[in-house]
């Protein structure tokens, strides 16, 4: 599975968790996380599971990641 990165008006959205990413896939997701940290004031996850994964994987402040339902 791939991820979609959308940054608009200081918000970024998370849609999918990569299942078993390749080394290149891991690099891409690290780069995407760095772009989010630098340019997005808020990251929006589409599920609680995705939000928890993102917080654990990248160590971003919980106040910067919300879930939409």
C-alpha atoms as a PDB file:
ATOM      1  CA  UNK A   1       0.000   0.000   0.000  1.00  0.00           C
ATOM      2  CA  UNK A   2       1.105   3.570  -0.558  1.00  0.00           C
ATOM      3  CA  UNK A   3       0.491   6.746   1.342  1.00  0.00           C
ATOM      4  CA  UNK A   4      -0.936   9.982   0.090  1.00  0.00           C
ATOM      5  CA  UNK A   5       0.706  13.224   1.206  1.00  0.00           C
ATOM      6  CA  UNK A   6      -1.397  16.346   0.907  1.00  0.00           C
ATOM      7  CA  UNK A   7      -0.259  19.633   2.412  1.00  0.00           C
ATOM      8  CA  UNK A   8      -2.655  22.536   2.078  1.00  0.00           C
ATOM      9  CA  UNK A   9      -2.996  25.624   4.271  1.00  0.00           C
ATOM     10  CA  UNK A  10      -0.652  24.218   6.938  1.00  0.00           C
ATOM     11  CA  UNK A  11      -2.522  20.879   7.148  1.00  0.00           C
ATOM     12  CA  UNK A  12      -1.384  17.477   6.010  1.00  0.00           C
ATOM     13  CA  UNK A  13      -3.476  14.340   5.686  1.00  0.00           C
ATOM     14  CA  UNK A  14      -2.545  10.711   6.414  1.00  0.00           C
ATOM     15  CA  UNK A  15      -4.533   8.045   4.578  1.00  0.00           C
ATOM     16  CA  UNK A  16      -2.738   4.676   4.690  1.00  0.00           C
ATOM     17  CA  UNK A  17      -0.098   2.778   6.633  1.00  0.00           C
ATOM     18  CA  UNK A  18       2.429   0.989   4.448  1.00  0.00           C
ATOM     19  CA  UNK A  19       2.453  -2.701   5.186  1.00  0.00           C
ATOM     20  CA  UNK A  20       6.029  -4.046   5.021  1.00  0.00           C
ATOM     21  CA  UNK A  21       7.679  -1.133   3.217  1.00  0.00           C
ATOM     22  CA  UNK A  22      10.872  -1.610   1.214  1.00  0.00           C
ATOM     23  CA  UNK A  23      14.009   0.340   2.168  1.00  0.00           C
ATOM     24  CA  UNK A  24      13.055   2.948  -0.432  1.00  0.00           C
ATOM     25  CA  UNK A  25       9.521   3.033   1.003  1.00  0.00           C
ATOM     26  CA  UNK A  26      10.907   3.636   4.497  1.00  0.00           C
ATOM     27  CA  UNK A  27      13.030   6.488   3.180  1.00  0.00           C
ATOM     28  CA  UNK A  28      10.022   8.016   1.417  1.00  0.00           C
ATOM     29  CA  UNK A  29       7.915   7.878   4.555  1.00  0.00           C
ATOM     30  CA  UNK A  30      10.719   9.479   6.632  1.00  0.00           C
ATOM     31  CA  UNK A  31      11.021  12.241   4.052  1.00  0.00           C
ATOM     32  CA  UNK A  32       7.254  12.762   4.028  1.00  0.00           C
ATOM     33  CA  UNK A  33       7.249  12.999   7.842  1.00  0.00           C
ATOM     34  CA  UNK A  34      10.036  15.584   7.701  1.00  0.00           C
ATOM     35  CA  UNK A  35       8.053  17.649   5.190  1.00  0.00           C
ATOM     36  CA  UNK A  36       4.984  17.446   7.443  1.00  0.00           C
ATOM     37  CA  UNK A  37       6.960  18.560  10.512  1.00  0.00           C
ATOM     38  CA  UNK A  38       8.422  21.494   8.639  1.00  0.00           C
ATOM     39  CA  UNK A  39       5.417  22.720   6.650  1.00  0.00           C
ATOM     40  CA  UNK A  40       2.207  21.480   8.281  1.00  0.00           C
ATOM     41  CA  UNK A  41       0.946  22.920  11.544  1.00  0.00           C
ATOM     42  CA  UNK A  42      -1.575  20.092  11.794  1.00  0.00           C
ATOM     43  CA  UNK A  43      -1.608  16.523  10.492  1.00  0.00           C
ATOM     44  CA  UNK A  44      -5.001  14.905  10.004  1.00  0.00           C
ATOM     45  CA  UNK A  45      -5.340  11.116  10.242  1.00  0.00           C
ATOM     46  CA  UNK A  46      -8.367   9.239   8.924  1.00  0.00           C
ATOM     47  CA  UNK A  47      -8.428   6.771  11.838  1.00  0.00           C
ATOM     48  CA  UNK A  48      -7.292   6.456  15.446  1.00  0.00           C
ATOM     49  CA  UNK A  49      -5.071   3.522  14.469  1.00  0.00           C
ATOM     50  CA  UNK A  50      -3.294   5.626  11.848  1.00  0.00           C
ATOM     51  CA  UNK A  51      -2.874   8.489  14.317  1.00  0.00           C
ATOM     52  CA  UNK A  52      -1.381   6.198  16.966  1.00  0.00           C
ATOM     53  CA  UNK A  53       0.979   4.614  14.438  1.00  0.00           C
ATOM     54  CA  UNK A  54       2.152   8.022  13.214  1.00  0.00           C
ATOM     55  CA  UNK A  55       2.730   9.326  16.742  1.00  0.00           C
ATOM     56  CA  UNK A  56       4.707   6.208  17.715  1.00  0.00           C
ATOM     57  CA  UNK A  57       6.674   5.998  14.465  1.00  0.00           C
ATOM     58  CA  UNK A  58       7.747   9.633  14.161  1.00  0.00           C
ATOM     59  CA  UNK A  59       7.565  11.041  17.698  1.00  0.00           C
ATOM     60  CA  UNK A  60       5.598  14.129  16.778  1.00  0.00           C
ATOM     61  CA  UNK A  61       3.650  15.985  19.492  1.00  0.00           C
ATOM     62  CA  UNK A  62       0.164  14.535  19.946  1.00  0.00           C
ATOM     63  CA  UNK A  63      -1.313  18.033  19.722  1.00  0.00           C
ATOM     64  CA  UNK A  64      -0.116  18.228  16.093  1.00  0.00           C
ATOM     65  CA  UNK A  65      -2.042  15.136  14.922  1.00  0.00           C
ATOM     66  CA  UNK A  66      -5.836  14.828  14.976  1.00  0.00           C
ATOM     67  CA  UNK A  67      -8.306  12.211  13.766  1.00  0.00           C
ATOM     68  CA  UNK A  68     -11.341  13.002  11.655  1.00  0.00           C
ATOM     69  CA  UNK A  69     -14.385  10.796  11.940  1.00  0.00           C
END
